[in-house]
Amino acid sequence: MGCVTGDIHRSSRLYALLIGLHVLTGVSKSQGSDARRSFVELRFVLEPQDAVTVRGGVLQLDCEARSDQGVPVISWKKDGVLLSAVVDERRQLLSNGSLLVQNVLHSRHHRPDEGSYQCLATLEGLGAIVSRTARVTVAGKRC
């Protein structure tokens, strides 16, 4: 994998991370050719935002990324750990990249849905970018 460089640009209500993935093309010592460097654009169009939800409610965190080299695969982390929909059937990765959590859980000693969330956009064989961190808080009476 090549080196990764990033430059953050701000536009109205949208943070887009432009990342150049250093890709070597046409490398062949036997032909004596030089390595050519090209850059791949991989950026967030939509990043998750802080959210307040209620116990028993529905939580949706949005994420969308684009690239000039195909469709990025979106995955999610909670508190730094990669989420798996298989582990918790209440969680669903929507086709647009958003994370949907149904029947939000929250009690005095059990708060599995509250925390810090990030989405990852990955281009197979090229690299990945990580979104801003969104803080999710569950409001209401604690049991």
C-alpha atoms as a PDB file:
ATOM      1  CA  MET A   1       0.000   0.000   0.000  1.00  0.00           C
ATOM      2  CA  GLY A   2       1.280   3.486  -0.792  1.00  0.00           C
ATOM      3  CA  CYS A   3       1.554   6.570   1.332  1.00  0.00           C
ATOM      4  CA  VAL A   4      -1.530   8.522   2.298  1.00  0.00           C
ATOM      5  CA  THR A   5      -1.858  12.287   2.319  1.00  0.00           C
ATOM      6  CA  GLY A   6      -4.853  14.290   3.416  1.00  0.00           C
ATOM      7  CA  ASP A   7      -6.128  17.838   3.162  1.00  0.00           C
ATOM      8  CA  ILE A   8      -9.247  18.949   4.992  1.00  0.00           C
ATOM      9  CA  HIS A   9     -11.637  21.331   3.226  1.00  0.00           C
ATOM     10  CA  ARG A  10     -14.737  22.885   4.767  1.00  0.00           C
ATOM     11  CA  SER A  11     -17.891  23.784   2.928  1.00  0.00           C
ATOM     12  CA  SER A  12     -21.309  24.709   4.268  1.00  0.00           C
ATOM     13  CA  ARG A  13     -22.372  21.971   6.707  1.00  0.00           C
ATOM     14  CA  LEU A  14     -20.144  19.447   4.992  1.00  0.00           C
ATOM     15  CA  TYR A  15     -16.691  18.239   5.862  1.00  0.00           C
ATOM     16  CA  ALA A  16     -15.012  16.536   2.966  1.00  0.00           C
ATOM     17  CA  LEU A  17     -11.736  14.758   3.436  1.00  0.00           C
ATOM     18  CA  LEU A  18      -9.797  14.576   0.235  1.00  0.00           C
ATOM     19  CA  ILE A  19      -7.220  11.898   0.339  1.00  0.00           C
ATOM     20  CA  GLY A  20      -4.662  10.985  -2.232  1.00  0.00           C
ATOM     21  CA  LEU A  21      -3.682   7.369  -2.244  1.00  0.00           C
ATOM     22  CA  HIS A  22      -0.275   6.998  -3.777  1.00  0.00           C
ATOM     23  CA  VAL A  23      -0.573   4.286  -6.398  1.00  0.00           C
ATOM     24  CA  LEU A  24       2.307   2.916  -8.422  1.00  0.00           C
ATOM     25  CA  THR A  25       1.411   1.985 -11.964  1.00  0.00           C
ATOM     26  CA  GLY A  26       3.386   0.529 -14.833  1.00  0.00           C
ATOM     27  CA  VAL A  27       6.302  -0.663 -12.716  1.00  0.00           C
ATOM     28  CA  SER A  28       8.533  -3.071 -14.572  1.00  0.00           C
ATOM     29  CA  LYS A  29      12.287  -3.308 -13.984  1.00  0.00           C
ATOM     30  CA  SER A  30      12.708  -5.645 -16.928  1.00  0.00           C
ATOM     31  CA  GLN A  31      11.240  -3.050 -19.292  1.00  0.00           C
ATOM     32  CA  GLY A  32      13.187  -0.256 -17.617  1.00  0.00           C
ATOM     33  CA  SER A  33      10.079   1.873 -17.174  1.00  0.00           C
ATOM     34  CA  ASP A  34       9.727   4.412 -14.396  1.00  0.00           C
ATOM     35  CA  ALA A  35       7.003   4.193 -11.816  1.00  0.00           C
ATOM     36  CA  ARG A  36       4.196   6.634 -12.475  1.00  0.00           C
ATOM     37  CA  ARG A  37       2.358   8.100  -9.536  1.00  0.00           C
ATOM     38  CA  SER A  38      -1.316   8.836  -9.567  1.00  0.00           C
ATOM     39  CA  PHE A  39      -3.745   9.874  -6.866  1.00  0.00           C
ATOM     40  CA  VAL A  40      -7.133   8.450  -6.013  1.00  0.00           C
ATOM     41  CA  GLU A  41      -9.828  10.696  -4.595  1.00  0.00           C
ATOM     42  CA  LEU A  42     -11.653   9.268  -1.587  1.00  0.00           C
ATOM     43  CA  ARG A  43     -13.766  11.700   0.425  1.00  0.00           C
ATOM     44  CA  PHE A  44     -16.734  11.939   2.733  1.00  0.00           C
ATOM     45  CA  VAL A  45     -19.836  13.590   1.322  1.00  0.00           C
ATOM     46  CA  LEU A  46     -21.753  13.088   4.568  1.00  0.00           C
ATOM     47  CA  GLU A  47     -20.332  12.352   8.034  1.00  0.00           C
ATOM     48  CA  PRO A  48     -22.117  11.272  11.226  1.00  0.00           C
ATOM     49  CA  GLN A  49     -23.260  14.049  13.559  1.00  0.00           C
ATOM     50  CA  ASP A  50     -23.729  14.103  17.334  1.00  0.00           C
ATOM     51  CA  ALA A  51     -27.166  12.786  18.291  1.00  0.00           C
ATOM     52  CA  VAL A  52     -29.476  12.561  21.279  1.00  0.00           C
ATOM     53  CA  THR A  53     -32.006   9.738  21.307  1.00  0.00           C
ATOM     54  CA  VAL A  54     -34.326   8.089  23.835  1.00  0.00           C
ATOM     55  CA  ARG A  55     -34.517   4.596  25.292  1.00  0.00           C
ATOM     56  CA  GLY A  56     -36.631   2.394  23.007  1.00  0.00           C
ATOM     57  CA  GLY A  57     -36.255   4.862  20.134  1.00  0.00           C
ATOM     58  CA  VAL A  58     -34.541   4.656  16.767  1.00  0.00           C
ATOM     59  CA  LEU A  59     -31.088   6.069  16.051  1.00  0.00           C
ATOM     60  CA  GLN A  60     -29.797   6.803  12.554  1.00  0.00           C
ATOM     61  CA  LEU A  61     -26.237   7.952  11.890  1.00  0.00           C
ATOM     62  CA  ASP A  62     -25.499   8.991   8.318  1.00  0.00           C
ATOM     63  CA  CYS A  63     -22.322   8.405   6.328  1.00  0.00           C
ATOM     64  CA  GLU A  64     -21.597   8.676   2.627  1.00  0.00           C
ATOM     65  CA  ALA A  65     -18.285   8.601   0.776  1.00  0.00           C
ATOM     66  CA  ARG A  66     -17.295   8.955  -2.868  1.00  0.00           C
ATOM     67  CA  SER A  67     -14.277   8.052  -4.931  1.00  0.00           C
ATOM     68  CA  ASP A  68     -13.150   8.310  -8.519  1.00  0.00           C
ATOM     69  CA  GLN A  69     -12.058   4.647  -8.326  1.00  0.00           C
ATOM     70  CA  GLY A  70     -15.283   2.837  -7.493  1.00  0.00           C
ATOM     71  CA  VAL A  71     -17.788   2.709  -4.667  1.00  0.00           C
ATOM     72  CA  PRO A  72     -16.278   2.792  -1.162  1.00  0.00           C
ATOM     73  CA  VAL A  73     -17.408   0.137   1.318  1.00  0.00           C
ATOM     74  CA  ILE A  74     -18.822   1.676   4.516  1.00  0.00           C
ATOM     75  CA  SER A  75     -18.363   0.126   7.961  1.00  0.00           C
ATOM     76  CA  TRP A  76     -18.799   1.513  11.477  1.00  0.00           C
ATOM     77  CA  LYS A  77     -16.882   1.700  14.760  1.00  0.00           C
ATOM     78  CA  LYS A  78     -18.312   2.322  18.222  1.00  0.00           C
ATOM     79  CA  ASP A  79     -15.880   3.398  20.924  1.00  0.00           C
ATOM     80  CA  GLY A  80     -13.022   2.342  18.626  1.00  0.00           C
ATOM     81  CA  VAL A  81     -14.329  -1.201  18.010  1.00  0.00           C
ATOM     82  CA  LEU A  82     -15.587  -2.359  14.597  1.00  0.00           C
ATOM     83  CA  LEU A  83     -19.329  -3.093  14.745  1.00  0.00           C
ATOM     84  CA  SER A  84     -20.879  -6.262  13.406  1.00  0.00           C
ATOM     85  CA  ALA A  85     -24.589  -6.482  12.585  1.00  0.00           C
ATOM     86  CA  VAL A  86     -24.371 -10.214  13.280  1.00  0.00           C
ATOM     87  CA  VAL A  87     -23.634  -9.593  16.979  1.00  0.00           C
ATOM     88  CA  ASP A  88     -26.666  -7.324  17.496  1.00  0.00           C
ATOM     89  CA  GLU A  89     -29.700  -7.696  15.233  1.00  0.00           C
ATOM     90  CA  ARG A  90     -30.959  -4.266  16.343  1.00  0.00           C
ATOM     91  CA  ARG A  91     -28.192  -2.705  14.227  1.00  0.00           C
ATOM     92  CA  GLN A  92     -28.515  -2.463  10.470  1.00  0.00           C
ATOM     93  CA  LEU A  93     -26.195  -1.013   7.822  1.00  0.00           C
ATOM     94  CA  LEU A  94     -28.435   0.654   5.249  1.00  0.00           C
ATOM     95  CA  SER A  95     -27.619   0.573   1.531  1.00  0.00           C
ATOM     96  CA  ASN A  96     -26.699   4.282   1.601  1.00  0.00           C
ATOM     97  CA  GLY A  97     -24.057   3.697   4.329  1.00  0.00           C
ATOM     98  CA  SER A  98     -26.145   4.932   7.266  1.00  0.00           C
ATOM     99  CA  LEU A  99     -26.209   2.985  10.528  1.00  0.00           C
ATOM    100  CA  LEU A 100     -29.666   2.287  11.943  1.00  0.00           C
ATOM    101  CA  VAL A 101     -30.124   1.173  15.561  1.00  0.00           C
ATOM    102  CA  GLN A 102     -33.645   0.124  16.522  1.00  0.00           C
ATOM    103  CA  ASN A 103     -34.994  -0.167  20.071  1.00  0.00           C
ATOM    104  CA  VAL A 104     -32.170   1.835  21.689  1.00  0.00           C
ATOM    105  CA  LEU A 105     -31.134   0.255  25.004  1.00  0.00           C
ATOM    106  CA  HIS A 106     -30.250   2.213  28.131  1.00  0.00           C
ATOM    107  CA  SER A 107     -30.255   1.452  31.844  1.00  0.00           C
ATOM    108  CA  ARG A 108     -28.153   2.423  34.833  1.00  0.00           C
ATOM    109  CA  HIS A 109     -25.549  -0.281  34.225  1.00  0.00           C
ATOM    110  CA  HIS A 110     -26.147  -1.186  30.585  1.00  0.00           C
ATOM    111  CA  ARG A 111     -25.658   1.471  27.878  1.00  0.00           C
ATOM    112  CA  PRO A 112     -24.693  -0.422  24.729  1.00  0.00           C
ATOM    113  CA  ASP A 113     -25.866   2.251  22.281  1.00  0.00           C
ATOM    114  CA  GLU A 114     -24.420   5.335  23.958  1.00  0.00           C
ATOM    115  CA  GLY A 115     -20.887   6.297  22.964  1.00  0.00           C
ATOM    116  CA  SER A 116     -18.634   7.529  20.176  1.00  0.00           C
ATOM    117  CA  TYR A 117     -19.277   6.430  16.578  1.00  0.00           C
ATOM    118  CA  GLN A 118     -17.170   6.730  13.413  1.00  0.00           C
ATOM    119  CA  CYS A 119     -17.710   5.456   9.907  1.00  0.00           C
ATOM    120  CA  LEU A 120     -14.948   4.053   7.723  1.00  0.00           C
ATOM    121  CA  ALA A 121     -14.890   4.293   3.935  1.00  0.00           C
ATOM    122  CA  THR A 122     -12.657   1.666   2.324  1.00  0.00           C
ATOM    123  CA  LEU A 123     -11.458   1.138  -1.235  1.00  0.00           C
ATOM    124  CA  GLU A 124     -10.336  -2.462  -1.640  1.00  0.00           C
ATOM    125  CA  GLY A 125      -6.577  -2.669  -2.023  1.00  0.00           C
ATOM    126  CA  LEU A 126      -6.082   1.101  -1.841  1.00  0.00           C
ATOM    127  CA  GLY A 127      -6.878   2.286   1.671  1.00  0.00           C
ATOM    128  CA  ALA A 128      -9.493   3.773   3.955  1.00  0.00           C
ATOM    129  CA  ILE A 129     -10.528   7.031   5.594  1.00  0.00           C
ATOM    130  CA  VAL A 130     -12.199   7.519   8.978  1.00  0.00           C
ATOM    131  CA  SER A 131     -14.946  10.067   9.630  1.00  0.00           C
ATOM    132  CA  ARG A 132     -15.258  12.593  12.412  1.00  0.00           C
ATOM    133  CA  THR A 133     -16.398  11.172  15.751  1.00  0.00           C
ATOM    134  CA  ALA A 134     -20.106  11.512  16.525  1.00  0.00           C
ATOM    135  CA  ARG A 135     -21.190  11.343  20.160  1.00  0.00           C
ATOM    136  CA  VAL A 136     -24.499   9.556  20.842  1.00  0.00           C
ATOM    137  CA  THR A 137     -26.298  10.286  24.106  1.00  0.00           C
ATOM    138  CA  VAL A 138     -29.422   8.514  25.337  1.00  0.00           C
ATOM    139  CA  ALA A 139     -31.684  10.970  27.163  1.00  0.00           C
ATOM    140  CA  GLY A 140     -34.422  10.308  29.643  1.00  0.00           C
ATOM    141  CA  LYS A 141     -34.909   8.697  33.004  1.00  0.00           C
ATOM    142  CA  ARG A 142     -32.241   6.175  33.952  1.00  0.00           C
ATOM    143  CA  CYS A 143     -33.342   2.907  35.545  1.00  0.00           C
END
